[in-house]
């Protein structure tokens, strides 16, 4: 069973996300338990490490999602936190200073001013189209030295001119890895 905390103050979006999760549960036959919170303070104050995934809105009335995530990370470094927001200016900020383990499909889609991004060690998955429409993105820098630890979708670079820069000593490993080899010459050594 996947235990998901949904932290969203807008009832329309909260219900829409619950419907998406219910549909996924039905299609995948994966059991999901959803616990909802309407503000960051509701989950952060007295937090117990009982969730696998937290879907976290950023803008809320009493405690914003980033503050709540910082509090949660102090107590539970293993939980996957996925920020959900309609405000593109918060999309990148939401991941600063927090250990990130996955980047959702379309997470940075349309961030036209994004030119470079560094993804630290520990990211286990980058979803398809995570950078779709990032026309200015030229460099995705990966700090991970083990390519098999980070799975990527085939459409990772779709809609970008970006190249992926990896530690030089791992270049051949990335170019021959099952998931990364499809990007061929777009995987380059970091300088």
C-alpha atoms as a PDB file:
ATOM      1  CA  UNK A   1       0.000   0.000   0.000  1.00  0.00           C
ATOM      2  CA  UNK A   2       1.231   3.470  -0.918  1.00  0.00           C
ATOM      3  CA  UNK A   3       0.564   6.028   1.809  1.00  0.00           C
ATOM      4  CA  UNK A   4       0.082   9.522   0.356  1.00  0.00           C
ATOM      5  CA  UNK A   5      -0.407  12.804   2.177  1.00  0.00           C
ATOM      6  CA  UNK A   6      -2.137  15.429   0.057  1.00  0.00           C
ATOM      7  CA  UNK A   7      -1.562  18.979   1.318  1.00  0.00           C
ATOM      8  CA  UNK A   8      -3.706  21.390  -0.696  1.00  0.00           C
ATOM      9  CA  UNK A   9      -5.814  24.288   0.552  1.00  0.00           C
ATOM     10  CA  UNK A  10      -8.006  24.698  -2.549  1.00  0.00           C
ATOM     11  CA  UNK A  11     -10.880  22.178  -2.352  1.00  0.00           C
ATOM     12  CA  UNK A  12     -11.267  22.057  -6.149  1.00  0.00           C
ATOM     13  CA  UNK A  13      -7.625  21.095  -6.728  1.00  0.00           C
ATOM     14  CA  UNK A  14      -7.652  18.788  -3.699  1.00  0.00           C
ATOM     15  CA  UNK A  15     -10.642  16.871  -5.091  1.00  0.00           C
ATOM     16  CA  UNK A  16      -9.135  16.798  -8.592  1.00  0.00           C
ATOM     17  CA  UNK A  17      -5.896  15.296  -7.245  1.00  0.00           C
ATOM     18  CA  UNK A  18      -7.857  12.743  -5.223  1.00  0.00           C
ATOM     19  CA  UNK A  19      -9.721  11.762  -8.407  1.00  0.00           C
ATOM     20  CA  UNK A  20      -6.419  11.337 -10.284  1.00  0.00           C
ATOM     21  CA  UNK A  21      -5.043   9.159  -7.501  1.00  0.00           C
ATOM     22  CA  UNK A  22      -8.245   7.087  -7.381  1.00  0.00           C
ATOM     23  CA  UNK A  23      -8.052   6.569 -11.132  1.00  0.00           C
ATOM     24  CA  UNK A  24      -4.395   5.516 -10.844  1.00  0.00           C
ATOM     25  CA  UNK A  25      -5.296   3.132  -8.023  1.00  0.00           C
ATOM     26  CA  UNK A  26      -7.993   1.528 -10.166  1.00  0.00           C
ATOM     27  CA  UNK A  27      -5.839   1.288 -13.330  1.00  0.00           C
ATOM     28  CA  UNK A  28      -2.707   0.021 -11.587  1.00  0.00           C
ATOM     29  CA  UNK A  29      -4.341  -2.194  -8.941  1.00  0.00           C
ATOM     30  CA  UNK A  30      -2.010  -0.472  -6.464  1.00  0.00           C
ATOM     31  CA  UNK A  31      -3.666   0.196  -3.117  1.00  0.00           C
ATOM     32  CA  UNK A  32      -3.397   3.832  -2.069  1.00  0.00           C
ATOM     33  CA  UNK A  33      -4.285   5.416   1.260  1.00  0.00           C
ATOM     34  CA  UNK A  34      -4.753   9.183   0.993  1.00  0.00           C
ATOM     35  CA  UNK A  35      -4.713  11.508   3.993  1.00  0.00           C
ATOM     36  CA  UNK A  36      -5.627  15.107   3.231  1.00  0.00           C
ATOM     37  CA  UNK A  37      -4.476  18.318   4.890  1.00  0.00           C
ATOM     38  CA  UNK A  38      -5.658  21.821   4.067  1.00  0.00           C
ATOM     39  CA  UNK A  39      -2.533  23.705   5.185  1.00  0.00           C
ATOM     40  CA  UNK A  40       1.161  23.117   5.732  1.00  0.00           C
ATOM     41  CA  UNK A  41       0.882  23.548   9.483  1.00  0.00           C
ATOM     42  CA  UNK A  42      -1.606  20.673   9.721  1.00  0.00           C
ATOM     43  CA  UNK A  43       0.951  18.145   8.492  1.00  0.00           C
ATOM     44  CA  UNK A  44       4.162  19.738   9.827  1.00  0.00           C
ATOM     45  CA  UNK A  45       3.154  20.315  13.447  1.00  0.00           C
ATOM     46  CA  UNK A  46       3.352  16.956  15.166  1.00  0.00           C
ATOM     47  CA  UNK A  47       4.487  15.224  11.974  1.00  0.00           C
ATOM     48  CA  UNK A  48       4.895  11.446  12.132  1.00  0.00           C
ATOM     49  CA  UNK A  49       6.908   9.576   9.487  1.00  0.00           C
ATOM     50  CA  UNK A  50       4.052   7.477   8.142  1.00  0.00           C
ATOM     51  CA  UNK A  51       3.856   8.566   4.480  1.00  0.00           C
ATOM     52  CA  UNK A  52       5.620   7.296   1.377  1.00  0.00           C
ATOM     53  CA  UNK A  53       4.782  10.379  -0.683  1.00  0.00           C
ATOM     54  CA  UNK A  54       3.669  13.897   0.191  1.00  0.00           C
ATOM     55  CA  UNK A  55       1.992  15.984  -2.501  1.00  0.00           C
ATOM     56  CA  UNK A  56       2.559  19.524  -1.227  1.00  0.00           C
ATOM     57  CA  UNK A  57       0.999  22.766  -2.420  1.00  0.00           C
ATOM     58  CA  UNK A  58       3.317  25.741  -2.026  1.00  0.00           C
ATOM     59  CA  UNK A  59       1.023  28.692  -1.411  1.00  0.00           C
ATOM     60  CA  UNK A  60      -1.188  28.196   1.634  1.00  0.00           C
ATOM     61  CA  UNK A  61      -2.624  30.478   4.315  1.00  0.00           C
ATOM     62  CA  UNK A  62      -0.836  29.624   7.559  1.00  0.00           C
ATOM     63  CA  UNK A  63       2.307  27.678   6.665  1.00  0.00           C
ATOM     64  CA  UNK A  64       3.546  27.570   3.085  1.00  0.00           C
ATOM     65  CA  UNK A  65       4.577  24.258   1.558  1.00  0.00           C
ATOM     66  CA  UNK A  66       8.294  25.004   1.517  1.00  0.00           C
ATOM     67  CA  UNK A  67       8.373  25.781   5.236  1.00  0.00           C
ATOM     68  CA  UNK A  68       6.330  22.663   5.945  1.00  0.00           C
ATOM     69  CA  UNK A  69       8.670  20.571   3.777  1.00  0.00           C
ATOM     70  CA  UNK A  70      11.723  21.866   5.646  1.00  0.00           C
ATOM     71  CA  UNK A  71      10.139  20.887   8.958  1.00  0.00           C
ATOM     72  CA  UNK A  72       9.185  17.453   7.622  1.00  0.00           C
ATOM     73  CA  UNK A  73      12.667  16.832   6.161  1.00  0.00           C
ATOM     74  CA  UNK A  74      14.224  17.336   9.601  1.00  0.00           C
ATOM     75  CA  UNK A  75      12.123  14.450  10.920  1.00  0.00           C
ATOM     76  CA  UNK A  76      11.803  12.250   7.842  1.00  0.00           C
ATOM     77  CA  UNK A  77      14.613  12.457   5.280  1.00  0.00           C
ATOM     78  CA  UNK A  78      13.251   9.444   3.345  1.00  0.00           C
ATOM     79  CA  UNK A  79       9.763  10.653   2.404  1.00  0.00           C
ATOM     80  CA  UNK A  80       9.268  11.710  -1.225  1.00  0.00           C
ATOM     81  CA  UNK A  81       7.950  15.281  -1.380  1.00  0.00           C
ATOM     82  CA  UNK A  82       6.421  16.440  -4.653  1.00  0.00           C
ATOM     83  CA  UNK A  83       5.507  20.104  -4.863  1.00  0.00           C
ATOM     84  CA  UNK A  84       2.302  20.986  -6.666  1.00  0.00           C
ATOM     85  CA  UNK A  85       1.688  24.563  -7.703  1.00  0.00           C
ATOM     86  CA  UNK A  86       0.068  26.711 -10.358  1.00  0.00           C
ATOM     87  CA  UNK A  87       2.745  29.366  -9.872  1.00  0.00           C
ATOM     88  CA  UNK A  88       5.764  28.721 -12.107  1.00  0.00           C
ATOM     89  CA  UNK A  89       7.927  31.139 -10.087  1.00  0.00           C
ATOM     90  CA  UNK A  90       7.785  28.650  -7.205  1.00  0.00           C
ATOM     91  CA  UNK A  91       8.500  25.502  -9.222  1.00  0.00           C
ATOM     92  CA  UNK A  92      12.278  25.799  -9.028  1.00  0.00           C
ATOM     93  CA  UNK A  93      12.375  27.508  -5.637  1.00  0.00           C
ATOM     94  CA  UNK A  94      10.448  24.604  -4.175  1.00  0.00           C
ATOM     95  CA  UNK A  95      13.378  22.288  -4.719  1.00  0.00           C
ATOM     96  CA  UNK A  96      16.168  24.493  -3.385  1.00  0.00           C
ATOM     97  CA  UNK A  97      17.816  23.376  -0.148  1.00  0.00           C
ATOM     98  CA  UNK A  98      15.755  20.196   0.037  1.00  0.00           C
ATOM     99  CA  UNK A  99      16.945  16.709  -0.823  1.00  0.00           C
ATOM    100  CA  UNK A 100      15.018  15.777  -3.958  1.00  0.00           C
ATOM    101  CA  UNK A 101      14.532  12.124  -4.885  1.00  0.00           C
ATOM    102  CA  UNK A 102      12.349  12.444  -7.996  1.00  0.00           C
ATOM    103  CA  UNK A 103      11.312  15.021 -10.553  1.00  0.00           C
ATOM    104  CA  UNK A 104       7.784  14.584 -11.844  1.00  0.00           C
ATOM    105  CA  UNK A 105       6.878  14.561 -15.546  1.00  0.00           C
ATOM    106  CA  UNK A 106       6.460  18.158 -16.672  1.00  0.00           C
ATOM    107  CA  UNK A 107       7.839  19.529 -13.396  1.00  0.00           C
ATOM    108  CA  UNK A 108       9.675  22.396 -15.084  1.00  0.00           C
ATOM    109  CA  UNK A 109       7.656  22.451 -18.303  1.00  0.00           C
ATOM    110  CA  UNK A 110       7.407  25.934 -19.730  1.00  0.00           C
ATOM    111  CA  UNK A 111      10.061  27.482 -17.469  1.00  0.00           C
ATOM    112  CA  UNK A 112      11.310  29.561 -20.401  1.00  0.00           C
ATOM    113  CA  UNK A 113      14.005  31.416 -18.464  1.00  0.00           C
ATOM    114  CA  UNK A 114      15.643  28.282 -17.071  1.00  0.00           C
ATOM    115  CA  UNK A 115      19.109  28.042 -18.660  1.00  0.00           C
ATOM    116  CA  UNK A 116      20.906  25.570 -16.416  1.00  0.00           C
ATOM    117  CA  UNK A 117      19.949  23.194 -13.652  1.00  0.00           C
ATOM    118  CA  UNK A 118      22.064  21.020 -11.377  1.00  0.00           C
ATOM    119  CA  UNK A 119      20.511  17.806 -10.096  1.00  0.00           C
ATOM    120  CA  UNK A 120      22.233  16.525  -6.991  1.00  0.00           C
ATOM    121  CA  UNK A 121      23.074  12.958  -6.091  1.00  0.00           C
ATOM    122  CA  UNK A 122      20.082  11.057  -4.736  1.00  0.00           C
ATOM    123  CA  UNK A 123      17.581  11.724  -7.511  1.00  0.00           C
ATOM    124  CA  UNK A 124      16.176   8.333  -8.447  1.00  0.00           C
ATOM    125  CA  UNK A 125      13.821   9.315 -11.290  1.00  0.00           C
ATOM    126  CA  UNK A 126      13.256  12.129 -13.763  1.00  0.00           C
ATOM    127  CA  UNK A 127       9.888  11.972 -15.513  1.00  0.00           C
ATOM    128  CA  UNK A 128       9.166  12.336 -19.210  1.00  0.00           C
ATOM    129  CA  UNK A 129       8.930  15.908 -20.381  1.00  0.00           C
ATOM    130  CA  UNK A 130      10.241  17.260 -17.080  1.00  0.00           C
ATOM    131  CA  UNK A 131      11.864  20.087 -19.055  1.00  0.00           C
ATOM    132  CA  UNK A 132       9.438  20.285 -22.005  1.00  0.00           C
ATOM    133  CA  UNK A 133       9.194  23.811 -23.371  1.00  0.00           C
ATOM    134  CA  UNK A 134      12.306  25.056 -21.561  1.00  0.00           C
ATOM    135  CA  UNK A 135      13.611  26.708 -24.723  1.00  0.00           C
ATOM    136  CA  UNK A 136      16.521  28.434 -22.986  1.00  0.00           C
ATOM    137  CA  UNK A 137      17.704  25.340 -21.125  1.00  0.00           C
ATOM    138  CA  UNK A 138      21.186  24.433 -22.347  1.00  0.00           C
ATOM    139  CA  UNK A 139      22.742  22.457 -19.472  1.00  0.00           C
ATOM    140  CA  UNK A 140      21.401  19.770 -17.177  1.00  0.00           C
ATOM    141  CA  UNK A 141      24.201  18.901 -14.770  1.00  0.00           C
ATOM    142  CA  UNK A 142      23.996  15.570 -12.970  1.00  0.00           C
ATOM    143  CA  UNK A 143      26.096  15.068  -9.867  1.00  0.00           C
ATOM    144  CA  UNK A 144      25.270  11.359  -9.630  1.00  0.00           C
ATOM    145  CA  UNK A 145      28.171   9.057 -10.455  1.00  0.00           C
ATOM    146  CA  UNK A 146      26.049   5.908 -10.856  1.00  0.00           C
ATOM    147  CA  UNK A 147      23.729   6.207 -13.874  1.00  0.00           C
ATOM    148  CA  UNK A 148      21.602   3.181 -12.946  1.00  0.00           C
ATOM    149  CA  UNK A 149      20.517   4.955  -9.748  1.00  0.00           C
ATOM    150  CA  UNK A 150      18.533   7.542 -11.734  1.00  0.00           C
ATOM    151  CA  UNK A 151      15.879   6.356 -14.161  1.00  0.00           C
ATOM    152  CA  UNK A 152      14.724   8.702 -16.886  1.00  0.00           C
ATOM    153  CA  UNK A 153      11.945   8.757 -19.425  1.00  0.00           C
ATOM    154  CA  UNK A 154      12.704   8.644 -23.141  1.00  0.00           C
ATOM    155  CA  UNK A 155      11.332  12.152 -23.608  1.00  0.00           C
ATOM    156  CA  UNK A 156      13.528  13.784 -20.979  1.00  0.00           C
ATOM    157  CA  UNK A 157      15.075  16.272 -23.413  1.00  0.00           C
ATOM    158  CA  UNK A 158      12.019  16.723 -25.614  1.00  0.00           C
ATOM    159  CA  UNK A 159      11.462  20.385 -26.478  1.00  0.00           C
ATOM    160  CA  UNK A 160      14.894  21.516 -25.295  1.00  0.00           C
ATOM    161  CA  UNK A 161      18.314  22.066 -26.815  1.00  0.00           C
ATOM    162  CA  UNK A 162      19.893  20.943 -23.540  1.00  0.00           C
ATOM    163  CA  UNK A 163      22.772  18.568 -23.122  1.00  0.00           C
ATOM    164  CA  UNK A 164      23.282  16.470 -20.013  1.00  0.00           C
ATOM    165  CA  UNK A 165      26.617  16.914 -18.249  1.00  0.00           C
ATOM    166  CA  UNK A 166      27.884  14.107 -16.019  1.00  0.00           C
ATOM    167  CA  UNK A 167      31.078  13.570 -14.024  1.00  0.00           C
ATOM    168  CA  UNK A 168      33.796  12.888 -16.630  1.00  0.00           C
ATOM    169  CA  UNK A 169      34.814   9.587 -15.064  1.00  0.00           C
ATOM    170  CA  UNK A 170      31.260   8.263 -15.536  1.00  0.00           C
ATOM    171  CA  UNK A 171      30.684   9.337 -19.152  1.00  0.00           C
ATOM    172  CA  UNK A 172      31.064   5.863 -20.660  1.00  0.00           C
ATOM    173  CA  UNK A 173      28.818   4.359 -17.969  1.00  0.00           C
ATOM    174  CA  UNK A 174      26.071   6.878 -18.797  1.00  0.00           C
ATOM    175  CA  UNK A 175      26.438   6.344 -22.539  1.00  0.00           C
ATOM    176  CA  UNK A 176      26.027   2.571 -22.147  1.00  0.00           C
ATOM    177  CA  UNK A 177      23.353   2.594 -19.417  1.00  0.00           C
ATOM    178  CA  UNK A 178      19.963   1.220 -20.472  1.00  0.00           C
ATOM    179  CA  UNK A 179      18.066   4.407 -19.583  1.00  0.00           C
ATOM    180  CA  UNK A 180      20.686   7.015 -20.500  1.00  0.00           C
ATOM    181  CA  UNK A 181      22.120   5.535 -23.718  1.00  0.00           C
ATOM    182  CA  UNK A 182      19.223   6.838 -25.835  1.00  0.00           C
ATOM    183  CA  UNK A 183      20.552  10.372 -25.380  1.00  0.00           C
ATOM    184  CA  UNK A 184      23.890   9.455 -26.989  1.00  0.00           C
ATOM    185  CA  UNK A 185      26.036  12.473 -27.803  1.00  0.00           C
ATOM    186  CA  UNK A 186      23.816  14.767 -25.731  1.00  0.00           C
ATOM    187  CA  UNK A 187      25.420  13.200 -22.636  1.00  0.00           C
ATOM    188  CA  UNK A 188      28.711  15.013 -22.181  1.00  0.00           C
ATOM    189  CA  UNK A 189      31.473  15.233 -19.591  1.00  0.00           C
ATOM    190  CA  UNK A 190      31.172  18.036 -17.061  1.00  0.00           C
ATOM    191  CA  UNK A 191      34.121  20.369 -17.101  1.00  0.00           C
END
